Amino acid sequence: MKVAVLDINGKETGRKADLSDGVFAIEPNNHAVYLDVKQYLANQRQGTHKAKERAEITGSTRKIKKQKGTGTARAGSIKSGVFRGGGRMFGPRPRNYSFKLNKSLKRLARKSALSIKANEKSIIVLEDFNFDAPKTKNFTAVLNALDLQNKKSLFVLGTSNNNVYLSSRNLKGSEVVTASELSTYKILNANQVVLLESSLEGIESNLSK
């Protein structure tokens, strides 16, 4: 698959990038995508939710009324969950929501996500660039040139670039990651995926194993 390479002014450079069909043009596996996104979201959960049960409530343990003859259900403790101020029945407890997936399935999910974006014409290949200093207005100028100012965008760098990363950090709709940090969720969550030329080799080598 051939894609035109743009510069930071949004103009074609006259060069074309060759995107591997084995990464950007496969038949998407929707179930693999679902599992990888589910794992990503599950890993974001803290799992620190907790409600007090009857054993943790402060209160008297005396039997609050006689067993028989009241015409109502028997009750042994004011801390029971059926009373106001009592413990919560079957309340949430701290737990770990994370689960494991095979590396091959995660690679398939990322290739599927990239293929979906390529099929939607939502992938831009941009020549490598850098800023002299971290400035948000410099990154905003790049977004405006690519007509991405009102879209969620994901910029994928070949290697870590502190100036570019810090320039984008204040912009809510844009995210900058390296090729090794690419995830299925981040690909699908963006309206437009911007791949820098230096990231292509890393993406294809990571996903072609």
C-alpha atoms as a PDB file:
ATOM      1  CA  MET A   1       0.000   0.000   0.000  1.00  0.00           C
ATOM      2  CA  LYS A   2       1.465   3.338  -1.093  1.00  0.00           C
ATOM      3  CA  VAL A   3       0.713   6.492   0.920  1.00  0.00           C
ATOM      4  CA  ALA A   4       1.921  10.003   0.133  1.00  0.00           C
ATOM      5  CA  VAL A   5       4.365  11.473   2.654  1.00  0.00           C
ATOM      6  CA  LEU A   6       3.407  14.954   3.891  1.00  0.00           C
ATOM      7  CA  ASP A   7       5.528  17.640   5.529  1.00  0.00           C
ATOM      8  CA  ILE A   8       4.531  19.583   8.666  1.00  0.00           C
ATOM      9  CA  ASN A   9       2.877  22.206   6.436  1.00  0.00           C
ATOM     10  CA  GLY A  10       0.476  19.600   5.084  1.00  0.00           C
ATOM     11  CA  LYS A  11       2.068  19.576   1.615  1.00  0.00           C
ATOM     12  CA  GLU A  12       3.100  16.463  -0.283  1.00  0.00           C
ATOM     13  CA  THR A  13       6.849  15.897  -0.362  1.00  0.00           C
ATOM     14  CA  GLY A  14       6.711  13.947  -3.622  1.00  0.00           C
ATOM     15  CA  ARG A  15       7.703  10.743  -1.831  1.00  0.00           C
ATOM     16  CA  LYS A  16       5.479   7.764  -1.018  1.00  0.00           C
ATOM     17  CA  ALA A  17       5.706   5.403   1.943  1.00  0.00           C
ATOM     18  CA  ASP A  18       5.163   1.700   1.374  1.00  0.00           C
ATOM     19  CA  LEU A  19       2.886   0.331   4.109  1.00  0.00           C
ATOM     20  CA  SER A  20       3.116  -3.424   4.588  1.00  0.00           C
ATOM     21  CA  ASP A  21      -0.026  -5.314   3.533  1.00  0.00           C
ATOM     22  CA  GLY A  22       0.659  -7.768   6.351  1.00  0.00           C
ATOM     23  CA  VAL A  23       0.154  -4.985   8.916  1.00  0.00           C
ATOM     24  CA  PHE A  24      -2.084  -2.376   7.286  1.00  0.00           C
ATOM     25  CA  ALA A  25      -4.252  -4.469   4.943  1.00  0.00           C
ATOM     26  CA  ILE A  26      -5.277  -7.643   6.741  1.00  0.00           C
ATOM     27  CA  GLU A  27      -8.825  -8.886   7.332  1.00  0.00           C
ATOM     28  CA  PRO A  28      -9.612  -7.379  10.769  1.00  0.00           C
ATOM     29  CA  ASN A  29     -10.280  -9.826  13.589  1.00  0.00           C
ATOM     30  CA  ASN A  30     -13.027  -8.108  15.572  1.00  0.00           C
ATOM     31  CA  HIS A  31     -12.867 -10.506  18.511  1.00  0.00           C
ATOM     32  CA  ALA A  32      -9.123  -9.951  18.964  1.00  0.00           C
ATOM     33  CA  VAL A  33      -9.750  -6.194  18.882  1.00  0.00           C
ATOM     34  CA  TYR A  34     -12.517  -6.563  21.473  1.00  0.00           C
ATOM     35  CA  LEU A  35     -10.324  -8.580  23.848  1.00  0.00           C
ATOM     36  CA  ASP A  36      -7.347  -6.218  23.574  1.00  0.00           C
ATOM     37  CA  VAL A  37      -9.480  -3.111  24.170  1.00  0.00           C
ATOM     38  CA  LYS A  38     -11.225  -4.862  27.061  1.00  0.00           C
ATOM     39  CA  GLN A  39      -7.858  -5.690  28.640  1.00  0.00           C
ATOM     40  CA  TYR A  40      -6.598  -2.117  28.197  1.00  0.00           C
ATOM     41  CA  LEU A  41      -9.670  -0.644  29.893  1.00  0.00           C
ATOM     42  CA  ALA A  42      -9.610  -3.289  32.638  1.00  0.00           C
ATOM     43  CA  ASN A  43      -5.988  -2.436  33.405  1.00  0.00           C
ATOM     44  CA  GLN A  44      -6.963   1.214  33.935  1.00  0.00           C
ATOM     45  CA  ARG A  45      -9.306   0.302  36.786  1.00  0.00           C
ATOM     46  CA  GLN A  46      -7.936   0.804  40.292  1.00  0.00           C
ATOM     47  CA  GLY A  47     -10.218  -1.770  41.858  1.00  0.00           C
ATOM     48  CA  THR A  48     -10.101   0.009  45.231  1.00  0.00           C
ATOM     49  CA  HIS A  49     -13.896   0.099  45.684  1.00  0.00           C
ATOM     50  CA  LYS A  50     -15.027  -1.064  49.114  1.00  0.00           C
ATOM     51  CA  ALA A  51     -18.263  -1.084  51.097  1.00  0.00           C
ATOM     52  CA  LYS A  52     -18.590  -1.976  54.780  1.00  0.00           C
ATOM     53  CA  GLU A  53     -20.255  -5.280  55.515  1.00  0.00           C
ATOM     54  CA  ARG A  54     -22.118  -6.095  58.730  1.00  0.00           C
ATOM     55  CA  ALA A  55     -18.964  -7.355  60.450  1.00  0.00           C
ATOM     56  CA  GLU A  56     -17.321  -3.945  59.928  1.00  0.00           C
ATOM     57  CA  ILE A  57     -20.195  -1.750  61.122  1.00  0.00           C
ATOM     58  CA  THR A  58     -20.030  -0.156  64.574  1.00  0.00           C
ATOM     59  CA  GLY A  59     -23.120  -1.075  66.573  1.00  0.00           C
ATOM     60  CA  SER A  60     -24.593  -3.210  69.292  1.00  0.00           C
ATOM     61  CA  THR A  61     -24.604  -6.963  68.943  1.00  0.00           C
ATOM     62  CA  ARG A  62     -27.579  -7.521  71.248  1.00  0.00           C
ATOM     63  CA  LYS A  63     -30.660  -9.210  69.883  1.00  0.00           C
ATOM     64  CA  ILE A  64     -32.941  -6.275  69.155  1.00  0.00           C
ATOM     65  CA  LYS A  65     -36.278  -8.043  69.746  1.00  0.00           C
ATOM     66  CA  LYS A  66     -37.598 -11.389  70.812  1.00  0.00           C
ATOM     67  CA  GLN A  67     -37.514 -14.262  68.380  1.00  0.00           C
ATOM     68  CA  LYS A  68     -41.229 -15.035  68.229  1.00  0.00           C
ATOM     69  CA  GLY A  69     -44.551 -13.339  68.628  1.00  0.00           C
ATOM     70  CA  THR A  70     -43.782  -9.978  66.990  1.00  0.00           C
ATOM     71  CA  GLY A  71     -45.552 -10.718  63.705  1.00  0.00           C
ATOM     72  CA  THR A  72     -42.478  -9.658  61.753  1.00  0.00           C
ATOM     73  CA  ALA A  73     -39.339 -11.381  60.578  1.00  0.00           C
ATOM     74  CA  ARG A  74     -36.783 -12.432  63.177  1.00  0.00           C
ATOM     75  CA  ALA A  75     -33.823 -10.110  63.590  1.00  0.00           C
ATOM     76  CA  GLY A  76     -30.643 -10.752  65.506  1.00  0.00           C
ATOM     77  CA  SER A  77     -28.536  -7.616  64.979  1.00  0.00           C
ATOM     78  CA  ILE A  78     -29.023  -3.940  64.252  1.00  0.00           C
ATOM     79  CA  LYS A  79     -26.018  -4.214  61.921  1.00  0.00           C
ATOM     80  CA  SER A  80     -27.955  -6.390  59.479  1.00  0.00           C
ATOM     81  CA  GLY A  81     -28.141  -5.080  55.932  1.00  0.00           C
ATOM     82  CA  VAL A  82     -31.946  -4.932  56.014  1.00  0.00           C
ATOM     83  CA  PHE A  83     -31.832  -2.049  58.528  1.00  0.00           C
ATOM     84  CA  ARG A  84     -30.890   1.541  57.898  1.00  0.00           C
ATOM     85  CA  GLY A  85     -27.278   2.091  58.961  1.00  0.00           C
ATOM     86  CA  GLY A  86     -26.511  -1.594  58.693  1.00  0.00           C
ATOM     87  CA  GLY A  87     -23.797  -3.173  56.584  1.00  0.00           C
ATOM     88  CA  ARG A  88     -24.168  -3.514  52.843  1.00  0.00           C
ATOM     89  CA  MET A  89     -25.033  -6.965  51.588  1.00  0.00           C
ATOM     90  CA  PHE A  90     -22.831  -8.299  48.775  1.00  0.00           C
ATOM     91  CA  GLY A  91     -21.071  -4.950  48.446  1.00  0.00           C
ATOM     92  CA  PRO A  92     -17.961  -4.353  46.318  1.00  0.00           C
ATOM     93  CA  ARG A  93     -14.605  -5.543  47.593  1.00  0.00           C
ATOM     94  CA  PRO A  94     -11.103  -4.564  46.395  1.00  0.00           C
ATOM     95  CA  ARG A  95     -10.090  -6.663  43.393  1.00  0.00           C
ATOM     96  CA  ASN A  96      -7.721  -6.745  40.455  1.00  0.00           C
ATOM     97  CA  TYR A  97      -9.503  -6.491  37.100  1.00  0.00           C
ATOM     98  CA  SER A  98      -6.482  -7.202  34.903  1.00  0.00           C
ATOM     99  CA  PHE A  99      -6.193 -10.378  32.846  1.00  0.00           C
ATOM    100  CA  LYS A 100      -3.621 -11.811  30.459  1.00  0.00           C
ATOM    101  CA  LEU A 101      -3.678 -12.180  26.686  1.00  0.00           C
ATOM    102  CA  ASN A 102      -1.270 -13.971  24.376  1.00  0.00           C
ATOM    103  CA  LYS A 103       1.282 -11.799  22.576  1.00  0.00           C
ATOM    104  CA  SER A 104       0.187 -13.189  19.200  1.00  0.00           C
ATOM    105  CA  LEU A 105      -3.418 -12.163  19.858  1.00  0.00           C
ATOM    106  CA  LYS A 106      -2.362  -8.652  20.886  1.00  0.00           C
ATOM    107  CA  ARG A 107      -0.285  -8.314  17.707  1.00  0.00           C
ATOM    108  CA  LEU A 108      -3.274  -9.465  15.651  1.00  0.00           C
ATOM    109  CA  ALA A 109      -5.480  -6.897  17.406  1.00  0.00           C
ATOM    110  CA  ARG A 110      -3.079  -4.027  16.657  1.00  0.00           C
ATOM    111  CA  LYS A 111      -2.744  -5.082  13.023  1.00  0.00           C
ATOM    112  CA  SER A 112      -6.537  -5.275  12.787  1.00  0.00           C
ATOM    113  CA  ALA A 113      -6.900  -1.779  14.258  1.00  0.00           C
ATOM    114  CA  LEU A 114      -4.319  -0.330  11.842  1.00  0.00           C
ATOM    115  CA  SER A 115      -6.032  -2.079   8.926  1.00  0.00           C
ATOM    116  CA  ILE A 116      -9.386  -0.606   9.969  1.00  0.00           C
ATOM    117  CA  LYS A 117      -7.862   2.896  10.044  1.00  0.00           C
ATOM    118  CA  ALA A 118      -6.128   2.349   6.697  1.00  0.00           C
ATOM    119  CA  ASN A 119      -9.398   1.168   5.148  1.00  0.00           C
ATOM    120  CA  GLU A 120     -11.111   4.318   6.481  1.00  0.00           C
ATOM    121  CA  LYS A 121      -8.347   6.517   4.961  1.00  0.00           C
ATOM    122  CA  SER A 122      -7.578   7.702   8.504  1.00  0.00           C
ATOM    123  CA  ILE A 123      -3.809   7.243   8.390  1.00  0.00           C
ATOM    124  CA  ILE A 124      -1.393  10.063   7.513  1.00  0.00           C
ATOM    125  CA  VAL A 125       2.332   9.522   6.954  1.00  0.00           C
ATOM    126  CA  LEU A 126       4.357  12.558   7.999  1.00  0.00           C
ATOM    127  CA  GLU A 127       8.028  13.222   7.508  1.00  0.00           C
ATOM    128  CA  ASP A 128      10.079  13.365  10.710  1.00  0.00           C
ATOM    129  CA  PHE A 129      10.161  16.738  12.457  1.00  0.00           C
ATOM    130  CA  ASN A 130      11.441  18.285  15.662  1.00  0.00           C
ATOM    131  CA  PHE A 131      11.054  21.522  17.613  1.00  0.00           C
ATOM    132  CA  ASP A 132      13.864  23.643  19.013  1.00  0.00           C
ATOM    133  CA  ALA A 133      11.986  23.929  22.314  1.00  0.00           C
ATOM    134  CA  PRO A 134       8.714  22.628  23.768  1.00  0.00           C
ATOM    135  CA  LYS A 135       6.019  25.053  22.568  1.00  0.00           C
ATOM    136  CA  THR A 136       2.340  24.225  22.323  1.00  0.00           C
ATOM    137  CA  LYS A 137       1.823  26.737  19.514  1.00  0.00           C
ATOM    138  CA  ASN A 138       4.319  24.846  17.335  1.00  0.00           C
ATOM    139  CA  PHE A 139       2.363  21.626  17.681  1.00  0.00           C
ATOM    140  CA  THR A 140      -0.919  23.497  17.151  1.00  0.00           C
ATOM    141  CA  ALA A 141       0.470  24.824  13.867  1.00  0.00           C
ATOM    142  CA  VAL A 142       1.132  21.239  12.728  1.00  0.00           C
ATOM    143  CA  LEU A 143      -2.443  20.243  13.655  1.00  0.00           C
ATOM    144  CA  ASN A 144      -3.847  23.204  11.722  1.00  0.00           C
ATOM    145  CA  ALA A 145      -1.754  22.375   8.662  1.00  0.00           C
ATOM    146  CA  LEU A 146      -3.046  18.792   8.699  1.00  0.00           C
ATOM    147  CA  ASP A 147      -6.638  19.936   9.420  1.00  0.00           C
ATOM    148  CA  LEU A 148      -6.686  18.032  12.719  1.00  0.00           C
ATOM    149  CA  GLN A 149      -7.445  20.904  15.096  1.00  0.00           C
ATOM    150  CA  ASN A 150     -10.982  19.615  15.799  1.00  0.00           C
ATOM    151  CA  LYS A 151     -10.226  15.881  15.650  1.00  0.00           C
ATOM    152  CA  LYS A 152      -8.718  13.395  18.056  1.00  0.00           C
ATOM    153  CA  SER A 153      -5.285  12.553  16.712  1.00  0.00           C
ATOM    154  CA  LEU A 154      -2.565  10.066  17.595  1.00  0.00           C
ATOM    155  CA  PHE A 155       1.023  10.888  16.567  1.00  0.00           C
ATOM    156  CA  VAL A 156       3.358   7.892  16.468  1.00  0.00           C
ATOM    157  CA  LEU A 157       7.083   8.657  16.719  1.00  0.00           C
ATOM    158  CA  GLY A 158       9.938   6.331  15.887  1.00  0.00           C
ATOM    159  CA  THR A 159      11.827   7.184  19.078  1.00  0.00           C
ATOM    160  CA  SER A 160      11.114   9.317  22.113  1.00  0.00           C
ATOM    161  CA  ASN A 161      11.199  13.054  21.388  1.00  0.00           C
ATOM    162  CA  ASN A 162      10.773  15.177  24.495  1.00  0.00           C
ATOM    163  CA  ASN A 163      10.195  18.478  22.697  1.00  0.00           C
ATOM    164  CA  VAL A 164       7.391  17.106  20.535  1.00  0.00           C
ATOM    165  CA  TYR A 165       5.820  15.235  23.453  1.00  0.00           C
ATOM    166  CA  LEU A 166       5.851  18.249  25.784  1.00  0.00           C
ATOM    167  CA  SER A 167       4.492  20.491  23.015  1.00  0.00           C
ATOM    168  CA  SER A 168       1.418  18.262  22.669  1.00  0.00           C
ATOM    169  CA  ARG A 169       0.793  17.565  26.348  1.00  0.00           C
ATOM    170  CA  ASN A 170      -1.539  20.527  26.916  1.00  0.00           C
ATOM    171  CA  LEU A 171      -3.764  19.639  23.949  1.00  0.00           C
ATOM    172  CA  LYS A 172      -6.666  17.468  25.034  1.00  0.00           C
ATOM    173  CA  GLY A 173      -7.429  16.020  21.602  1.00  0.00           C
ATOM    174  CA  SER A 174      -3.900  14.960  20.672  1.00  0.00           C
ATOM    175  CA  GLU A 175      -1.586  12.284  22.001  1.00  0.00           C
ATOM    176  CA  VAL A 176       2.020  11.488  21.138  1.00  0.00           C
ATOM    177  CA  VAL A 177       3.417   7.968  21.599  1.00  0.00           C
ATOM    178  CA  THR A 178       6.364   5.981  20.302  1.00  0.00           C
ATOM    179  CA  ALA A 179       5.976   2.928  18.080  1.00  0.00           C
ATOM    180  CA  SER A 180       6.640   0.629  21.044  1.00  0.00           C
ATOM    181  CA  GLU A 181       3.821   2.272  23.056  1.00  0.00           C
ATOM    182  CA  LEU A 182       1.189   1.796  20.367  1.00  0.00           C
ATOM    183  CA  SER A 183      -1.972   0.045  21.572  1.00  0.00           C
ATOM    184  CA  THR A 184      -5.211  -1.107  19.950  1.00  0.00           C
ATOM    185  CA  TYR A 185      -7.295   1.194  22.143  1.00  0.00           C
ATOM    186  CA  LYS A 186      -5.257   4.298  21.280  1.00  0.00           C
ATOM    187  CA  ILE A 187      -5.414   3.535  17.562  1.00  0.00           C
ATOM    188  CA  LEU A 188      -9.193   3.115  17.557  1.00  0.00           C
ATOM    189  CA  ASN A 189      -9.797   6.016  19.936  1.00  0.00           C
ATOM    190  CA  ALA A 190      -8.205   8.492  17.506  1.00  0.00           C
ATOM    191  CA  ASN A 191     -10.019   9.945  14.508  1.00  0.00           C
ATOM    192  CA  GLN A 192      -6.719  10.239  12.666  1.00  0.00           C
ATOM    193  CA  VAL A 193      -3.478   8.304  13.133  1.00  0.00           C
ATOM    194  CA  VAL A 194      -0.349  10.223  12.104  1.00  0.00           C
ATOM    195  CA  LEU A 195       2.672   7.996  11.520  1.00  0.00           C
ATOM    196  CA  LEU A 196       6.079   9.601  11.288  1.00  0.00           C
ATOM    197  CA  GLU A 197       8.344   8.005   8.699  1.00  0.00           C
ATOM    198  CA  SER A 198      10.788   6.784  11.325  1.00  0.00           C
ATOM    199  CA  SER A 199       8.009   4.880  13.119  1.00  0.00           C
ATOM    200  CA  LEU A 200       7.042   2.690  10.163  1.00  0.00           C
ATOM    201  CA  GLU A 201       9.991   0.318  10.422  1.00  0.00           C
ATOM    202  CA  GLY A 202       9.462  -0.157  14.168  1.00  0.00           C
ATOM    203  CA  ILE A 203       5.714  -0.757  13.806  1.00  0.00           C
ATOM    204  CA  GLU A 204       6.140  -3.302  11.033  1.00  0.00           C
ATOM    205  CA  SER A 205       9.001  -5.131  12.753  1.00  0.00           C
ATOM    206  CA  ASN A 206       7.049  -5.337  16.015  1.00  0.00           C
ATOM    207  CA  LEU A 207       3.865  -6.624  14.376  1.00  0.00           C
ATOM    208  CA  SER A 208       5.353  -8.886  11.709  1.00  0.00           C
ATOM    209  CA  LYS A 209       6.818 -11.396  14.189  1.00  0.00           C
END
